[in-house]
């Protein structure tokens, strides 16, 4: 019986193909490194990058630092691993600078306002300018960078897990609290 040895290095794609044929999980180490490269190249926050690549923020967080009181995860699903591999550092850096329509961002801003969030509080929590959020919400800003769109998507994802903050007051020194009516009209609160 003769055995052949592989002379080419095994790539991450080879590991994924093998894993897809035999299991649903793969070693997380190479994908942890990929996630760090993407974060560094893009300048995005972890939730923003997660929204861009299509992996849950919790998976990204667990991949990098682990669950509270636990170690980092050792395995990652094949689908999440594939999502990480679909993106290159240069591709992500280019994508965040690209201009996109604000249509979806406007829909998300209005949905958060309908849930009881004020634009001032959203701007503070999301690190987004109040005037920018106002212009997106009222439809006067038609295009923005993908980075801003991702920031709004990450903010919306975060807001879904929070109680409506109607009784909370912002601690920032922003001038009159801007808030959108459900009709999209801007008024001062």
C-alpha atoms as a PDB file:
ATOM      1  CA  UNK A   1       0.000   0.000   0.000  1.00  0.00           C
ATOM      2  CA  UNK A   2       1.342   3.375  -0.960  1.00  0.00           C
ATOM      3  CA  UNK A   3       0.464   6.582   0.721  1.00  0.00           C
ATOM      4  CA  UNK A   4       0.765   9.974  -0.757  1.00  0.00           C
ATOM      5  CA  UNK A   5       1.664  13.036   1.165  1.00  0.00           C
ATOM      6  CA  UNK A   6       0.412  16.471   0.433  1.00  0.00           C
ATOM      7  CA  UNK A   7       3.190  18.826  -0.612  1.00  0.00           C
ATOM      8  CA  UNK A   8       1.075  21.982  -0.766  1.00  0.00           C
ATOM      9  CA  UNK A   9       0.260  23.837   2.454  1.00  0.00           C
ATOM     10  CA  UNK A  10      -3.221  23.334   3.822  1.00  0.00           C
ATOM     11  CA  UNK A  11      -5.243  26.511   3.486  1.00  0.00           C
ATOM     12  CA  UNK A  12      -8.115  27.741   5.597  1.00  0.00           C
ATOM     13  CA  UNK A  13     -10.405  27.091   2.623  1.00  0.00           C
ATOM     14  CA  UNK A  14      -9.241  23.434   2.645  1.00  0.00           C
ATOM     15  CA  UNK A  15     -10.118  23.196   6.325  1.00  0.00           C
ATOM     16  CA  UNK A  16     -13.557  24.644   5.643  1.00  0.00           C
ATOM     17  CA  UNK A  17     -14.224  22.169   2.846  1.00  0.00           C
ATOM     18  CA  UNK A  18     -13.182  19.279   5.076  1.00  0.00           C
ATOM     19  CA  UNK A  19     -15.293  20.590   7.940  1.00  0.00           C
ATOM     20  CA  UNK A  20     -18.339  21.123   5.746  1.00  0.00           C
ATOM     21  CA  UNK A  21     -18.108  17.509   4.632  1.00  0.00           C
ATOM     22  CA  UNK A  22     -17.730  16.103   8.149  1.00  0.00           C
ATOM     23  CA  UNK A  23     -18.974  18.553  10.767  1.00  0.00           C
ATOM     24  CA  UNK A  24     -20.588  21.904  11.436  1.00  0.00           C
ATOM     25  CA  UNK A  25     -17.708  23.392  13.446  1.00  0.00           C
ATOM     26  CA  UNK A  26     -14.064  24.318  12.804  1.00  0.00           C
ATOM     27  CA  UNK A  27     -11.146  25.522  14.918  1.00  0.00           C
ATOM     28  CA  UNK A  28     -11.654  29.205  15.764  1.00  0.00           C
ATOM     29  CA  UNK A  29      -8.000  30.326  15.824  1.00  0.00           C
ATOM     30  CA  UNK A  30      -7.560  31.228  12.130  1.00  0.00           C
ATOM     31  CA  UNK A  31     -10.902  33.026  12.093  1.00  0.00           C
ATOM     32  CA  UNK A  32     -10.052  34.947  15.249  1.00  0.00           C
ATOM     33  CA  UNK A  33      -6.969  36.209  13.420  1.00  0.00           C
ATOM     34  CA  UNK A  34      -9.077  37.080  10.369  1.00  0.00           C
ATOM     35  CA  UNK A  35     -11.534  39.030  12.531  1.00  0.00           C
ATOM     36  CA  UNK A  36      -8.678  41.010  14.095  1.00  0.00           C
ATOM     37  CA  UNK A  37      -7.307  41.832  10.641  1.00  0.00           C
ATOM     38  CA  UNK A  38     -10.724  43.021   9.467  1.00  0.00           C
ATOM     39  CA  UNK A  39     -11.204  45.163  12.579  1.00  0.00           C
ATOM     40  CA  UNK A  40      -7.804  46.766  12.170  1.00  0.00           C
ATOM     41  CA  UNK A  41      -8.216  47.470   8.452  1.00  0.00           C
ATOM     42  CA  UNK A  42     -11.755  48.829   8.670  1.00  0.00           C
ATOM     43  CA  UNK A  43     -11.607  51.006  11.759  1.00  0.00           C
ATOM     44  CA  UNK A  44     -15.138  49.821  12.577  1.00  0.00           C
ATOM     45  CA  UNK A  45     -16.352  48.842  16.005  1.00  0.00           C
ATOM     46  CA  UNK A  46     -17.022  45.159  16.579  1.00  0.00           C
ATOM     47  CA  UNK A  47     -20.835  45.534  16.256  1.00  0.00           C
ATOM     48  CA  UNK A  48     -20.423  47.580  13.058  1.00  0.00           C
ATOM     49  CA  UNK A  49     -18.068  45.017  11.526  1.00  0.00           C
ATOM     50  CA  UNK A  50     -20.420  42.200  12.556  1.00  0.00           C
ATOM     51  CA  UNK A  51     -23.270  43.977  10.741  1.00  0.00           C
ATOM     52  CA  UNK A  52     -21.095  44.341   7.649  1.00  0.00           C
ATOM     53  CA  UNK A  53     -19.855  40.746   7.438  1.00  0.00           C
ATOM     54  CA  UNK A  54     -23.110  39.100   8.473  1.00  0.00           C
ATOM     55  CA  UNK A  55     -21.954  37.433  11.693  1.00  0.00           C
ATOM     56  CA  UNK A  56     -23.730  38.094  14.972  1.00  0.00           C
ATOM     57  CA  UNK A  57     -22.054  40.582  17.319  1.00  0.00           C
ATOM     58  CA  UNK A  58     -22.190  37.963  20.082  1.00  0.00           C
ATOM     59  CA  UNK A  59     -20.244  35.466  17.974  1.00  0.00           C
ATOM     60  CA  UNK A  60     -17.614  38.098  17.181  1.00  0.00           C
ATOM     61  CA  UNK A  61     -17.375  39.086  20.847  1.00  0.00           C
ATOM     62  CA  UNK A  62     -17.096  35.455  21.973  1.00  0.00           C
ATOM     63  CA  UNK A  63     -14.492  34.805  19.307  1.00  0.00           C
ATOM     64  CA  UNK A  64     -12.274  37.646  20.518  1.00  0.00           C
ATOM     65  CA  UNK A  65     -12.759  37.763  24.289  1.00  0.00           C
ATOM     66  CA  UNK A  66     -15.180  35.009  25.253  1.00  0.00           C
ATOM     67  CA  UNK A  67     -18.396  35.038  27.205  1.00  0.00           C
ATOM     68  CA  UNK A  68     -18.365  36.788  30.590  1.00  0.00           C
ATOM     69  CA  UNK A  69     -16.360  34.631  32.986  1.00  0.00           C
ATOM     70  CA  UNK A  70     -15.415  32.130  30.271  1.00  0.00           C
ATOM     71  CA  UNK A  71     -12.597  31.652  27.800  1.00  0.00           C
ATOM     72  CA  UNK A  72     -12.766  32.568  24.140  1.00  0.00           C
ATOM     73  CA  UNK A  73     -14.647  30.077  22.026  1.00  0.00           C
ATOM     74  CA  UNK A  74     -12.509  27.337  20.525  1.00  0.00           C
ATOM     75  CA  UNK A  75     -14.778  26.416  17.631  1.00  0.00           C
ATOM     76  CA  UNK A  76     -16.804  28.428  15.173  1.00  0.00           C
ATOM     77  CA  UNK A  77     -19.589  27.328  12.863  1.00  0.00           C
ATOM     78  CA  UNK A  78     -18.708  26.675   9.243  1.00  0.00           C
ATOM     79  CA  UNK A  79     -21.214  29.311   8.120  1.00  0.00           C
ATOM     80  CA  UNK A  80     -19.686  32.012  10.369  1.00  0.00           C
ATOM     81  CA  UNK A  81     -16.184  30.961   9.317  1.00  0.00           C
ATOM     82  CA  UNK A  82     -17.193  31.225   5.656  1.00  0.00           C
ATOM     83  CA  UNK A  83     -18.683  34.683   6.258  1.00  0.00           C
ATOM     84  CA  UNK A  84     -15.392  35.840   7.762  1.00  0.00           C
ATOM     85  CA  UNK A  85     -13.424  34.471   4.823  1.00  0.00           C
ATOM     86  CA  UNK A  86     -15.582  36.241   2.250  1.00  0.00           C
ATOM     87  CA  UNK A  87     -14.042  39.538   3.364  1.00  0.00           C
ATOM     88  CA  UNK A  88     -10.492  40.773   2.977  1.00  0.00           C
ATOM     89  CA  UNK A  89      -8.942  43.618   4.955  1.00  0.00           C
ATOM     90  CA  UNK A  90      -8.563  45.734   1.795  1.00  0.00           C
ATOM     91  CA  UNK A  91     -12.106  44.943   0.705  1.00  0.00           C
ATOM     92  CA  UNK A  92     -13.582  45.927   4.062  1.00  0.00           C
ATOM     93  CA  UNK A  93     -11.528  49.143   4.181  1.00  0.00           C
ATOM     94  CA  UNK A  94     -12.817  50.068   0.721  1.00  0.00           C
ATOM     95  CA  UNK A  95     -16.394  49.101   1.558  1.00  0.00           C
ATOM     96  CA  UNK A  96     -16.639  51.375   4.607  1.00  0.00           C
ATOM     97  CA  UNK A  97     -15.696  54.418   2.506  1.00  0.00           C
ATOM     98  CA  UNK A  98     -18.260  53.684  -0.214  1.00  0.00           C
ATOM     99  CA  UNK A  99     -21.312  55.949  -0.422  1.00  0.00           C
ATOM    100  CA  UNK A 100     -24.693  54.261   0.043  1.00  0.00           C
ATOM    101  CA  UNK A 101     -28.334  55.330   0.092  1.00  0.00           C
ATOM    102  CA  UNK A 102     -29.733  56.360   3.475  1.00  0.00           C
ATOM    103  CA  UNK A 103     -33.105  54.724   2.771  1.00  0.00           C
ATOM    104  CA  UNK A 104     -32.513  51.751   5.104  1.00  0.00           C
ATOM    105  CA  UNK A 105     -30.798  53.924   7.719  1.00  0.00           C
ATOM    106  CA  UNK A 106     -33.795  56.286   7.721  1.00  0.00           C
ATOM    107  CA  UNK A 107     -36.153  53.353   8.253  1.00  0.00           C
ATOM    108  CA  UNK A 108     -34.068  52.179  11.234  1.00  0.00           C
ATOM    109  CA  UNK A 109     -33.815  55.664  12.779  1.00  0.00           C
ATOM    110  CA  UNK A 110     -37.583  56.127  12.513  1.00  0.00           C
ATOM    111  CA  UNK A 111     -38.167  52.684  14.031  1.00  0.00           C
ATOM    112  CA  UNK A 112     -35.962  53.556  17.018  1.00  0.00           C
ATOM    113  CA  UNK A 113     -37.787  56.870  17.470  1.00  0.00           C
ATOM    114  CA  UNK A 114     -41.098  54.980  17.371  1.00  0.00           C
ATOM    115  CA  UNK A 115     -39.746  52.740  20.159  1.00  0.00           C
ATOM    116  CA  UNK A 116     -39.255  55.819  22.360  1.00  0.00           C
ATOM    117  CA  UNK A 117     -35.641  56.757  21.681  1.00  0.00           C
ATOM    118  CA  UNK A 118     -34.815  60.440  21.274  1.00  0.00           C
ATOM    119  CA  UNK A 119     -32.379  61.445  18.576  1.00  0.00           C
ATOM    120  CA  UNK A 120     -30.164  63.062  21.213  1.00  0.00           C
ATOM    121  CA  UNK A 121     -29.845  59.813  23.153  1.00  0.00           C
ATOM    122  CA  UNK A 122     -29.291  57.784  19.980  1.00  0.00           C
ATOM    123  CA  UNK A 123     -26.562  60.207  18.900  1.00  0.00           C
ATOM    124  CA  UNK A 124     -24.877  59.935  22.283  1.00  0.00           C
ATOM    125  CA  UNK A 125     -25.071  56.147  22.517  1.00  0.00           C
ATOM    126  CA  UNK A 126     -24.125  55.591  18.872  1.00  0.00           C
ATOM    127  CA  UNK A 127     -21.386  58.210  18.691  1.00  0.00           C
ATOM    128  CA  UNK A 128     -23.156  59.775  15.710  1.00  0.00           C
ATOM    129  CA  UNK A 129     -23.704  63.497  15.225  1.00  0.00           C
ATOM    130  CA  UNK A 130     -27.154  64.716  16.217  1.00  0.00           C
ATOM    131  CA  UNK A 131     -27.539  66.797  13.053  1.00  0.00           C
ATOM    132  CA  UNK A 132     -26.546  63.802  10.921  1.00  0.00           C
ATOM    133  CA  UNK A 133     -29.155  61.592  12.601  1.00  0.00           C
ATOM    134  CA  UNK A 134     -31.754  64.343  12.176  1.00  0.00           C
ATOM    135  CA  UNK A 135     -30.966  64.685   8.484  1.00  0.00           C
ATOM    136  CA  UNK A 136     -31.145  60.931   7.957  1.00  0.00           C
ATOM    137  CA  UNK A 137     -34.397  60.673   9.899  1.00  0.00           C
ATOM    138  CA  UNK A 138     -36.141  63.490   8.055  1.00  0.00           C
ATOM    139  CA  UNK A 139     -34.859  62.357   4.659  1.00  0.00           C
ATOM    140  CA  UNK A 140     -32.744  65.416   3.799  1.00  0.00           C
ATOM    141  CA  UNK A 141     -29.526  63.376   3.773  1.00  0.00           C
ATOM    142  CA  UNK A 142     -29.847  60.991   0.821  1.00  0.00           C
ATOM    143  CA  UNK A 143     -26.402  59.351   0.810  1.00  0.00           C
ATOM    144  CA  UNK A 144     -23.811  58.579   3.469  1.00  0.00           C
ATOM    145  CA  UNK A 145     -20.720  56.464   3.899  1.00  0.00           C
ATOM    146  CA  UNK A 146     -21.193  52.764   4.456  1.00  0.00           C
ATOM    147  CA  UNK A 147     -19.428  53.314   7.814  1.00  0.00           C
ATOM    148  CA  UNK A 148     -22.293  55.571   8.968  1.00  0.00           C
ATOM    149  CA  UNK A 149     -24.894  53.139   7.644  1.00  0.00           C
ATOM    150  CA  UNK A 150     -23.205  50.324   9.581  1.00  0.00           C
ATOM    151  CA  UNK A 151     -23.099  52.474  12.734  1.00  0.00           C
ATOM    152  CA  UNK A 152     -26.864  52.986  12.485  1.00  0.00           C
ATOM    153  CA  UNK A 153     -27.441  49.272  11.850  1.00  0.00           C
ATOM    154  CA  UNK A 154     -25.323  48.396  14.898  1.00  0.00           C
ATOM    155  CA  UNK A 155     -27.182  50.993  16.974  1.00  0.00           C
ATOM    156  CA  UNK A 156     -30.526  49.541  15.883  1.00  0.00           C
ATOM    157  CA  UNK A 157     -29.400  46.004  16.737  1.00  0.00           C
ATOM    158  CA  UNK A 158     -28.291  47.222  20.145  1.00  0.00           C
ATOM    159  CA  UNK A 159     -31.558  49.126  20.742  1.00  0.00           C
ATOM    160  CA  UNK A 160     -33.617  45.996  20.085  1.00  0.00           C
ATOM    161  CA  UNK A 161     -32.327  44.477  23.317  1.00  0.00           C
ATOM    162  CA  UNK A 162     -32.937  47.604  25.399  1.00  0.00           C
ATOM    163  CA  UNK A 163     -36.023  48.905  27.156  1.00  0.00           C
ATOM    164  CA  UNK A 164     -37.466  52.069  25.622  1.00  0.00           C
ATOM    165  CA  UNK A 165     -35.679  54.915  27.384  1.00  0.00           C
ATOM    166  CA  UNK A 166     -38.555  57.417  27.456  1.00  0.00           C
ATOM    167  CA  UNK A 167     -37.852  58.267  31.087  1.00  0.00           C
ATOM    168  CA  UNK A 168     -34.072  58.562  30.677  1.00  0.00           C
ATOM    169  CA  UNK A 169     -32.424  61.916  30.117  1.00  0.00           C
ATOM    170  CA  UNK A 170     -29.230  62.441  28.178  1.00  0.00           C
ATOM    171  CA  UNK A 171     -26.190  63.768  29.998  1.00  0.00           C
ATOM    172  CA  UNK A 172     -24.697  65.521  26.972  1.00  0.00           C
ATOM    173  CA  UNK A 173     -24.738  69.264  26.473  1.00  0.00           C
ATOM    174  CA  UNK A 174     -26.418  69.120  23.102  1.00  0.00           C
ATOM    175  CA  UNK A 175     -28.831  71.950  22.447  1.00  0.00           C
ATOM    176  CA  UNK A 176     -32.538  71.288  22.191  1.00  0.00           C
ATOM    177  CA  UNK A 177     -33.323  67.641  22.100  1.00  0.00           C
ATOM    178  CA  UNK A 178     -34.222  66.810  18.530  1.00  0.00           C
ATOM    179  CA  UNK A 179     -36.824  64.160  17.963  1.00  0.00           C
ATOM    180  CA  UNK A 180     -38.620  62.955  14.873  1.00  0.00           C
ATOM    181  CA  UNK A 181     -42.315  62.495  14.743  1.00  0.00           C
ATOM    182  CA  UNK A 182     -43.422  59.197  13.201  1.00  0.00           C
ATOM    183  CA  UNK A 183     -44.370  61.196  10.093  1.00  0.00           C
ATOM    184  CA  UNK A 184     -40.704  62.130   9.686  1.00  0.00           C
ATOM    185  CA  UNK A 185     -41.132  65.804  10.669  1.00  0.00           C
ATOM    186  CA  UNK A 186     -38.453  67.330  12.863  1.00  0.00           C
ATOM    187  CA  UNK A 187     -39.386  69.240  15.982  1.00  0.00           C
ATOM    188  CA  UNK A 188     -37.632  70.342  19.147  1.00  0.00           C
ATOM    189  CA  UNK A 189     -38.629  68.584  22.336  1.00  0.00           C
END
